Amino acid sequence: DCKVQKGNESHLRSVDFYPGNGTFDLMYYP
């Protein structure tokens, strides 16, 4: 997930993540 690190949170209004909902699939590990 992503957020404004410090300051006005409204400066970051939308982020899309790929693939899916922004996860690291287990099959790439170990």
PDB file of all heavy atoms in Angstrom:
ATOM      1  N   ASP A   1       0.844  -1.192   0.000  1.00  0.00           N
ATOM      2  CA  ASP A   1       0.000   0.000   0.000  1.00  0.00           C
ATOM      3  C   ASP A   1       0.879   1.241   0.000  1.00  0.00           C
ATOM      4  O   ASP A   1       2.062   1.184   0.336  1.00  0.00           O
ATOM      5  CB  ASP A   1      -0.996   0.016   1.173  1.00  0.00           C
ATOM      6  CG  ASP A   1      -0.317   0.158   2.528  1.00  0.00           C
ATOM      7  OD1 ASP A   1       0.841   0.616   2.592  1.00  0.00           O
ATOM      8  OD2 ASP A   1      -0.948  -0.181   3.546  1.00  0.00           O
ATOM      9  N   CYS A   2       0.286   2.362  -0.407  1.00  0.00           N
ATOM     10  CA  CYS A   2       1.022   3.625  -0.503  1.00  0.00           C
ATOM     11  C   CYS A   2       0.215   4.750   0.121  1.00  0.00           C
ATOM     12  O   CYS A   2      -1.019   4.759   0.047  1.00  0.00           O
ATOM     13  CB  CYS A   2       1.320   3.979  -1.968  1.00  0.00           C
ATOM     14  SG  CYS A   2       2.391   2.804  -2.831  1.00  0.00           S
ATOM     15  N   LYS A   3       0.933   5.694   0.707  1.00  0.00           N
ATOM     16  CA  LYS A   3       0.288   6.855   1.311  1.00  0.00           C
ATOM     17  C   LYS A   3       1.264   8.026   1.302  1.00  0.00           C
ATOM     18  O   LYS A   3       2.465   7.850   1.063  1.00  0.00           O
ATOM     19  CB  LYS A   3      -0.138   6.548   2.747  1.00  0.00           C
ATOM     20  CG  LYS A   3       1.027   6.219   3.670  1.00  0.00           C
ATOM     21  CD  LYS A   3       0.540   5.880   5.078  1.00  0.00           C
ATOM     22  CE  LYS A   3       1.721   5.567   5.999  1.00  0.00           C
ATOM     23  NZ  LYS A   3       1.261   5.215   7.371  1.00  0.00           N
ATOM     24  N   VAL A   4       0.731   9.220   1.554  1.00  0.00           N
ATOM     25  CA  VAL A   4       1.595  10.385   1.697  1.00  0.00           C
ATOM     26  C   VAL A   4       2.407  10.223   2.973  1.00  0.00           C
ATOM     27  O   VAL A   4       1.854  10.008   4.054  1.00  0.00           O
ATOM     28  CB  VAL A   4       0.774  11.684   1.738  1.00  0.00           C
ATOM     29  CG1 VAL A   4       1.665  12.877   2.052  1.00  0.00           C
ATOM     30  CG2 VAL A   4       0.065  11.899   0.406  1.00  0.00           C
ATOM     31  N   GLN A   5       3.716  10.301   2.837  1.00  0.00           N
ATOM     32  CA  GLN A   5       4.583  10.036   3.980  1.00  0.00           C
ATOM     33  C   GLN A   5       4.508  11.148   5.023  1.00  0.00           C
ATOM     34  O   GLN A   5       4.523  10.901   6.221  1.00  0.00           O
ATOM     35  CB  GLN A   5       6.020   9.846   3.494  1.00  0.00           C
ATOM     36  CG  GLN A   5       6.966   9.304   4.553  1.00  0.00           C
ATOM     37  CD  GLN A   5       7.811  10.385   5.193  1.00  0.00           C
ATOM     38  OE1 GLN A   5       7.999  11.460   4.622  1.00  0.00           O
ATOM     39  NE2 GLN A   5       8.335  10.113   6.376  1.00  0.00           N
ATOM     40  N   LYS A   6       4.408  12.374   4.549  1.00  0.00           N
ATOM     41  CA  LYS A   6       4.322  13.514   5.462  1.00  0.00           C
ATOM     42  C   LYS A   6       3.737  14.688   4.703  1.00  0.00           C
ATOM     43  O   LYS A   6       4.226  15.052   3.634  1.00  0.00           O
ATOM     44  CB  LYS A   6       5.705  13.875   6.004  1.00  0.00           C
ATOM     45  CG  LYS A   6       5.703  14.955   7.074  1.00  0.00           C
ATOM     46  CD  LYS A   6       7.110  15.210   7.587  1.00  0.00           C
ATOM     47  CE  LYS A   6       7.121  16.271   8.686  1.00  0.00           C
ATOM     48  NZ  LYS A   6       8.487  16.540   9.196  1.00  0.00           N
ATOM     49  N   GLY A   7       2.672  15.264   5.243  1.00  0.00           N
ATOM     50  CA  GLY A   7       2.056  16.403   4.576  1.00  0.00           C
ATOM     51  C   GLY A   7       0.583  16.178   4.321  1.00  0.00           C
ATOM     52  O   GLY A   7      -0.090  15.431   5.036  1.00  0.00           O
ATOM     53  N   ASN A   8       0.085  16.791   3.267  1.00  0.00           N
ATOM     54  CA  ASN A   8      -1.335  16.764   2.935  1.00  0.00           C
ATOM     55  C   ASN A   8      -1.706  15.443   2.265  1.00  0.00           C
ATOM     56  O   ASN A   8      -1.271  15.163   1.145  1.00  0.00           O
ATOM     57  CB  ASN A   8      -1.670  17.940   2.009  1.00  0.00           C
ATOM     58  CG  ASN A   8      -3.155  18.149   1.861  1.00  0.00           C
ATOM     59  OD1 ASN A   8      -3.945  17.227   2.004  1.00  0.00           O
ATOM     60  ND2 ASN A   8      -3.554  19.387   1.577  1.00  0.00           N
ATOM     61  N   GLU A   9      -2.504  14.629   2.941  1.00  0.00           N
ATOM     62  CA  GLU A   9      -2.858  13.316   2.413  1.00  0.00           C
ATOM     63  C   GLU A   9      -3.667  13.406   1.127  1.00  0.00           C
ATOM     64  O   GLU A   9      -3.682  12.464   0.319  1.00  0.00           O
ATOM     65  CB  GLU A   9      -3.634  12.521   3.466  1.00  0.00           C
ATOM     66  CG  GLU A   9      -2.807  12.171   4.692  1.00  0.00           C
ATOM     67  CD  GLU A   9      -3.594  11.338   5.698  1.00  0.00           C
ATOM     68  OE1 GLU A   9      -4.766  11.020   5.410  1.00  0.00           O
ATOM     69  OE2 GLU A   9      -3.024  11.005   6.766  1.00  0.00           O
ATOM     70  N   SER A  10      -4.360  14.533   0.906  1.00  0.00           N
ATOM     71  CA  SER A  10      -5.177  14.687  -0.294  1.00  0.00           C
ATOM     72  C   SER A  10      -4.341  14.870  -1.559  1.00  0.00           C
ATOM     73  O   SER A  10      -4.880  14.837  -2.672  1.00  0.00           O
ATOM     74  CB  SER A  10      -6.134  15.876  -0.143  1.00  0.00           C
ATOM     75  OG  SER A  10      -5.417  17.105  -0.096  1.00  0.00           O
ATOM     76  N   HIS A  11      -3.030  15.036  -1.407  1.00  0.00           N
ATOM     77  CA  HIS A  11      -2.171  15.176  -2.578  1.00  0.00           C
ATOM     78  C   HIS A  11      -1.993  13.857  -3.324  1.00  0.00           C
ATOM     79  O   HIS A  11      -1.546  13.850  -4.471  1.00  0.00           O
ATOM     80  CB  HIS A  11      -0.800  15.727  -2.164  1.00  0.00           C
ATOM     81  CG  HIS A  11      -0.837  17.185  -1.836  1.00  0.00           C
ATOM     82  ND1 HIS A  11       0.275  17.876  -1.376  1.00  0.00           N
ATOM     83  CD2 HIS A  11      -1.827  18.102  -1.899  1.00  0.00           C
ATOM     84  CE1 HIS A  11      -0.048  19.139  -1.166  1.00  0.00           C
ATOM     85  NE2 HIS A  11      -1.322  19.301  -1.486  1.00  0.00           N
ATOM     86  N   LEU A  12      -2.320  12.749  -2.673  1.00  0.00           N
ATOM     87  CA  LEU A  12      -2.290  11.440  -3.330  1.00  0.00           C
ATOM     88  C   LEU A  12      -3.710  10.880  -3.291  1.00  0.00           C
ATOM     89  O   LEU A  12      -4.155  10.324  -2.292  1.00  0.00           O
ATOM     90  CB  LEU A  12      -1.315  10.498  -2.615  1.00  0.00           C
ATOM     91  CG  LEU A  12      -1.197   9.074  -3.185  1.00  0.00           C
ATOM     92  CD1 LEU A  12      -0.714   9.110  -4.622  1.00  0.00           C
ATOM     93  CD2 LEU A  12      -0.265   8.233  -2.319  1.00  0.00           C
ATOM     94  N   ARG A  13      -4.409  11.017  -4.405  1.00  0.00           N
ATOM     95  CA  ARG A  13      -5.839  10.709  -4.410  1.00  0.00           C
ATOM     96  C   ARG A  13      -6.164   9.326  -4.968  1.00  0.00           C
ATOM     97  O   ARG A  13      -7.224   8.784  -4.683  1.00  0.00           O
ATOM     98  CB  ARG A  13      -6.576  11.780  -5.205  1.00  0.00           C
ATOM     99  CG  ARG A  13      -6.601  13.142  -4.509  1.00  0.00           C
ATOM    100  CD  ARG A  13      -7.346  14.175  -5.327  1.00  0.00           C
ATOM    101  NE  ARG A  13      -6.574  14.634  -6.461  1.00  0.00           N
ATOM    102  CZ  ARG A  13      -5.771  15.700  -6.428  1.00  0.00           C
ATOM    103  NH1 ARG A  13      -5.622  16.397  -5.313  1.00  0.00           N
ATOM    104  NH2 ARG A  13      -5.097  16.068  -7.508  1.00  0.00           N
ATOM    105  N   SER A  14      -5.261   8.765  -5.768  1.00  0.00           N
ATOM    106  CA  SER A  14      -5.592   7.470  -6.370  1.00  0.00           C
ATOM    107  C   SER A  14      -4.327   6.726  -6.790  1.00  0.00           C
ATOM    108  O   SER A  14      -3.443   7.304  -7.421  1.00  0.00           O
ATOM    109  CB  SER A  14      -6.504   7.677  -7.589  1.00  0.00           C
ATOM    110  OG  SER A  14      -6.813   6.453  -8.202  1.00  0.00           O
ATOM    111  N   VAL A  15      -4.268   5.444  -6.422  1.00  0.00           N
ATOM    112  CA  VAL A  15      -3.177   4.563  -6.848  1.00  0.00           C
ATOM    113  C   VAL A  15      -3.783   3.224  -7.248  1.00  0.00           C
ATOM    114  O   VAL A  15      -4.576   2.648  -6.497  1.00  0.00           O
ATOM    115  CB  VAL A  15      -2.138   4.328  -5.733  1.00  0.00           C
ATOM    116  CG1 VAL A  15      -0.944   3.551  -6.287  1.00  0.00           C
ATOM    117  CG2 VAL A  15      -1.689   5.629  -5.104  1.00  0.00           C
ATOM    118  N   ASP A  16      -3.420   2.736  -8.426  1.00  0.00           N
ATOM    119  CA  ASP A  16      -3.821   1.397  -8.856  1.00  0.00           C
ATOM    120  C   ASP A  16      -2.622   0.469  -8.727  1.00  0.00           C
ATOM    121  O   ASP A  16      -1.479   0.869  -8.976  1.00  0.00           O
ATOM    122  CB  ASP A  16      -4.309   1.411 -10.309  1.00  0.00           C
ATOM    123  CG  ASP A  16      -5.577   2.231 -10.481  1.00  0.00           C
ATOM    124  OD1 ASP A  16      -6.365   2.314  -9.515  1.00  0.00           O
ATOM    125  OD2 ASP A  16      -5.778   2.784 -11.579  1.00  0.00           O
ATOM    126  N   PHE A  17      -2.897  -0.780  -8.352  1.00  0.00           N
ATOM    127  CA  PHE A  17      -1.830  -1.755  -8.148  1.00  0.00           C
ATOM    128  C   PHE A  17      -2.012  -2.936  -9.107  1.00  0.00           C
ATOM    129  O   PHE A  17      -3.120  -3.418  -9.324  1.00  0.00           O
ATOM    130  CB  PHE A  17      -1.836  -2.268  -6.702  1.00  0.00           C
ATOM    131  CG  PHE A  17      -1.545  -1.210  -5.671  1.00  0.00           C
ATOM    132  CD1 PHE A  17      -2.585  -0.511  -5.063  1.00  0.00           C
ATOM    133  CD2 PHE A  17      -0.247  -0.925  -5.295  1.00  0.00           C
ATOM    134  CE1 PHE A  17      -2.328   0.460  -4.105  1.00  0.00           C
ATOM    135  CE2 PHE A  17       0.028   0.045  -4.346  1.00  0.00           C
ATOM    136  CZ  PHE A  17      -1.019   0.739  -3.751  1.00  0.00           C
ATOM    137  N   TYR A  18      -0.887  -3.403  -9.660  1.00  0.00           N
ATOM    138  CA  TYR A  18      -0.880  -4.591 -10.522  1.00  0.00           C
ATOM    139  C   TYR A  18       0.305  -5.469 -10.106  1.00  0.00           C
ATOM    140  O   TYR A  18       1.328  -4.942  -9.666  1.00  0.00           O
ATOM    141  CB  TYR A  18      -0.712  -4.189 -11.993  1.00  0.00           C
ATOM    142  CG  TYR A  18      -1.688  -3.154 -12.470  1.00  0.00           C
ATOM    143  CD1 TYR A  18      -1.287  -1.826 -12.639  1.00  0.00           C
ATOM    144  CD2 TYR A  18      -3.019  -3.478 -12.747  1.00  0.00           C
ATOM    145  CE1 TYR A  18      -2.174  -0.856 -13.094  1.00  0.00           C
ATOM    146  CE2 TYR A  18      -3.909  -2.512 -13.196  1.00  0.00           C
ATOM    147  CZ  TYR A  18      -3.482  -1.215 -13.364  1.00  0.00           C
ATOM    148  OH  TYR A  18      -4.371  -0.250 -13.805  1.00  0.00           O
ATOM    149  N   PRO A  19       0.201  -6.800 -10.302  1.00  0.00           N
ATOM    150  CA  PRO A  19      -0.990  -7.529 -10.721  1.00  0.00           C
ATOM    151  C   PRO A  19      -2.014  -7.651  -9.603  1.00  0.00           C
ATOM    152  O   PRO A  19      -1.685  -7.493  -8.420  1.00  0.00           O
ATOM    153  CB  PRO A  19      -0.433  -8.908 -11.103  1.00  0.00           C
ATOM    154  CG  PRO A  19       0.785  -9.066 -10.256  1.00  0.00           C
ATOM    155  CD  PRO A  19       1.356  -7.686 -10.099  1.00  0.00           C
ATOM    156  N   GLY A  20      -3.236  -7.942  -9.995  1.00  0.00           N
ATOM    157  CA  GLY A  20      -4.312  -8.119  -9.022  1.00  0.00           C
ATOM    158  C   GLY A  20      -4.472  -6.902  -8.145  1.00  0.00           C
ATOM    159  O   GLY A  20      -4.556  -5.776  -8.607  1.00  0.00           O
ATOM    160  N   ASN A  21      -4.463  -7.141  -6.867  1.00  0.00           N
ATOM    161  CA  ASN A  21      -4.623  -6.050  -5.900  1.00  0.00           C
ATOM    162  C   ASN A  21      -3.295  -5.669  -5.263  1.00  0.00           C
ATOM    163  O   ASN A  21      -3.260  -5.159  -4.156  1.00  0.00           O
ATOM    164  CB  ASN A  21      -5.635  -6.445  -4.824  1.00  0.00           C
ATOM    165  CG  ASN A  21      -5.271  -7.748  -4.136  1.00  0.00           C
ATOM    166  OD1 ASN A  21      -4.325  -8.414  -4.543  1.00  0.00           O
ATOM    167  ND2 ASN A  21      -6.014  -8.124  -3.117  1.00  0.00           N
ATOM    168  N   GLY A  22      -2.203  -5.922  -5.966  1.00  0.00           N
ATOM    169  CA  GLY A  22      -0.892  -5.508  -5.470  1.00  0.00           C
ATOM    170  C   GLY A  22      -0.289  -6.461  -4.466  1.00  0.00           C
ATOM    171  O   GLY A  22       0.087  -6.050  -3.367  1.00  0.00           O
ATOM    172  N   THR A  23      -0.180  -7.735  -4.821  1.00  0.00           N
ATOM    173  CA  THR A  23       0.400  -8.732  -3.928  1.00  0.00           C
ATOM    174  C   THR A  23       1.527  -9.483  -4.628  1.00  0.00           C
ATOM    175  O   THR A  23       1.572  -9.569  -5.859  1.00  0.00           O
ATOM    176  CB  THR A  23      -0.657  -9.748  -3.450  1.00  0.00           C
ATOM    177  OG1 THR A  23      -1.244 -10.399  -4.594  1.00  0.00           O
ATOM    178  CG2 THR A  23      -1.742  -9.065  -2.634  1.00  0.00           C
ATOM    179  N   PHE A  24       2.425 -10.029  -3.821  1.00  0.00           N
ATOM    180  CA  PHE A  24       3.500 -10.899  -4.312  1.00  0.00           C
ATOM    181  C   PHE A  24       3.042 -12.346  -4.136  1.00  0.00           C
ATOM    182  O   PHE A  24       2.948 -12.836  -3.005  1.00  0.00           O
ATOM    183  CB  PHE A  24       4.791 -10.656  -3.528  1.00  0.00           C
ATOM    184  CG  PHE A  24       5.403  -9.305  -3.756  1.00  0.00           C
ATOM    185  CD1 PHE A  24       5.090  -8.233  -2.931  1.00  0.00           C
ATOM    186  CD2 PHE A  24       6.283  -9.088  -4.815  1.00  0.00           C
ATOM    187  CE1 PHE A  24       5.657  -6.981  -3.134  1.00  0.00           C
ATOM    188  CE2 PHE A  24       6.857  -7.834  -5.022  1.00  0.00           C
ATOM    189  CZ  PHE A  24       6.538  -6.787  -4.184  1.00  0.00           C
ATOM    190  N   ASP A  25       2.750 -13.012  -5.238  1.00  0.00           N
ATOM    191  CA  ASP A  25       2.232 -14.383  -5.153  1.00  0.00           C
ATOM    192  C   ASP A  25       3.258 -15.305  -4.513  1.00  0.00           C
ATOM    193  O   ASP A  25       4.467 -15.179  -4.729  1.00  0.00           O
ATOM    194  CB  ASP A  25       1.871 -14.893  -6.550  1.00  0.00           C
ATOM    195  CG  ASP A  25       0.945 -16.098  -6.492  1.00  0.00           C
ATOM    196  OD1 ASP A  25       1.414 -17.191  -6.122  1.00  0.00           O
ATOM    197  OD2 ASP A  25      -0.255 -15.935  -6.782  1.00  0.00           O
ATOM    198  N   LEU A  26       2.762 -16.262  -3.747  1.00  0.00           N
ATOM    199  CA  LEU A  26       3.635 -17.184  -3.013  1.00  0.00           C
ATOM    200  C   LEU A  26       4.455 -18.070  -3.942  1.00  0.00           C
ATOM    201  O   LEU A  26       5.525 -18.569  -3.547  1.00  0.00           O
ATOM    202  CB  LEU A  26       2.798 -18.067  -2.080  1.00  0.00           C
ATOM    203  CG  LEU A  26       1.947 -17.359  -1.022  1.00  0.00           C
ATOM    204  CD1 LEU A  26       1.179 -18.390  -0.199  1.00  0.00           C
ATOM    205  CD2 LEU A  26       2.806 -16.488  -0.109  1.00  0.00           C
ATOM    206  N   MET A  27       3.988 -18.289  -5.173  1.00  0.00           N
ATOM    207  CA  MET A  27       4.661 -19.267  -6.038  1.00  0.00           C
ATOM    208  C   MET A  27       6.069 -18.836  -6.443  1.00  0.00           C
ATOM    209  O   MET A  27       6.850 -19.655  -6.927  1.00  0.00           O
ATOM    210  CB  MET A  27       3.826 -19.526  -7.292  1.00  0.00           C
ATOM    211  CG  MET A  27       3.669 -18.347  -8.219  1.00  0.00           C
ATOM    212  SD  MET A  27       2.642 -18.797  -9.650  1.00  0.00           S
ATOM    213  CE  MET A  27       2.519 -17.216 -10.494  1.00  0.00           C
ATOM    214  N   TYR A  28       6.410 -17.563  -6.231  1.00  0.00           N
ATOM    215  CA  TYR A  28       7.752 -17.095  -6.587  1.00  0.00           C
ATOM    216  C   TYR A  28       8.767 -17.316  -5.464  1.00  0.00           C
ATOM    217  O   TYR A  28       9.912 -16.873  -5.577  1.00  0.00           O
ATOM    218  CB  TYR A  28       7.702 -15.623  -6.967  1.00  0.00           C
ATOM    219  CG  TYR A  28       6.803 -15.366  -8.164  1.00  0.00           C
ATOM    220  CD1 TYR A  28       5.553 -14.786  -8.007  1.00  0.00           C
ATOM    221  CD2 TYR A  28       7.200 -15.745  -9.438  1.00  0.00           C
ATOM    222  CE1 TYR A  28       4.719 -14.567  -9.098  1.00  0.00           C
ATOM    223  CE2 TYR A  28       6.377 -15.538 -10.539  1.00  0.00           C
ATOM    224  CZ  TYR A  28       5.129 -14.950 -10.354  1.00  0.00           C
ATOM    225  OH  TYR A  28       4.314 -14.750 -11.439  1.00  0.00           O
ATOM    226  N   TYR A  29       8.356 -17.973  -4.423  1.00  0.00           N
ATOM    227  CA  TYR A  29       9.208 -18.204  -3.257  1.00  0.00           C
ATOM    228  C   TYR A  29       9.186 -19.675  -2.882  1.00  0.00           C
ATOM    229  O   TYR A  29       8.199 -20.371  -3.119  1.00  0.00           O
ATOM    230  CB  TYR A  29       8.731 -17.331  -2.080  1.00  0.00           C
ATOM    231  CG  TYR A  29       8.649 -15.867  -2.431  1.00  0.00           C
ATOM    232  CD1 TYR A  29       7.439 -15.289  -2.817  1.00  0.00           C
ATOM    233  CD2 TYR A  29       9.789 -15.067  -2.423  1.00  0.00           C
ATOM    234  CE1 TYR A  29       7.371 -13.956  -3.178  1.00  0.00           C
ATOM    235  CE2 TYR A  29       9.716 -13.726  -2.782  1.00  0.00           C
ATOM    236  CZ  TYR A  29       8.503 -13.175  -3.149  1.00  0.00           C
ATOM    237  OH  TYR A  29       8.439 -11.854  -3.508  1.00  0.00           O
ATOM    238  N   PRO A  30      10.274 -20.182  -2.262  1.00  0.00           N
ATOM    239  CA  PRO A  30      11.490 -19.455  -1.897  1.00  0.00           C
ATOM    240  C   PRO A  30      12.460 -19.303  -3.075  1.00  0.00           C
ATOM    241  O   PRO A  30      12.347 -19.986  -4.081  1.00  0.00           O
ATOM    242  CB  PRO A  30      12.102 -20.345  -0.810  1.00  0.00           C
ATOM    243  CG  PRO A  30      11.649 -21.729  -1.191  1.00  0.00           C
ATOM    244  CD  PRO A  30      10.277 -21.561  -1.762  1.00  0.00           C
TER     245      PRO A  30
END
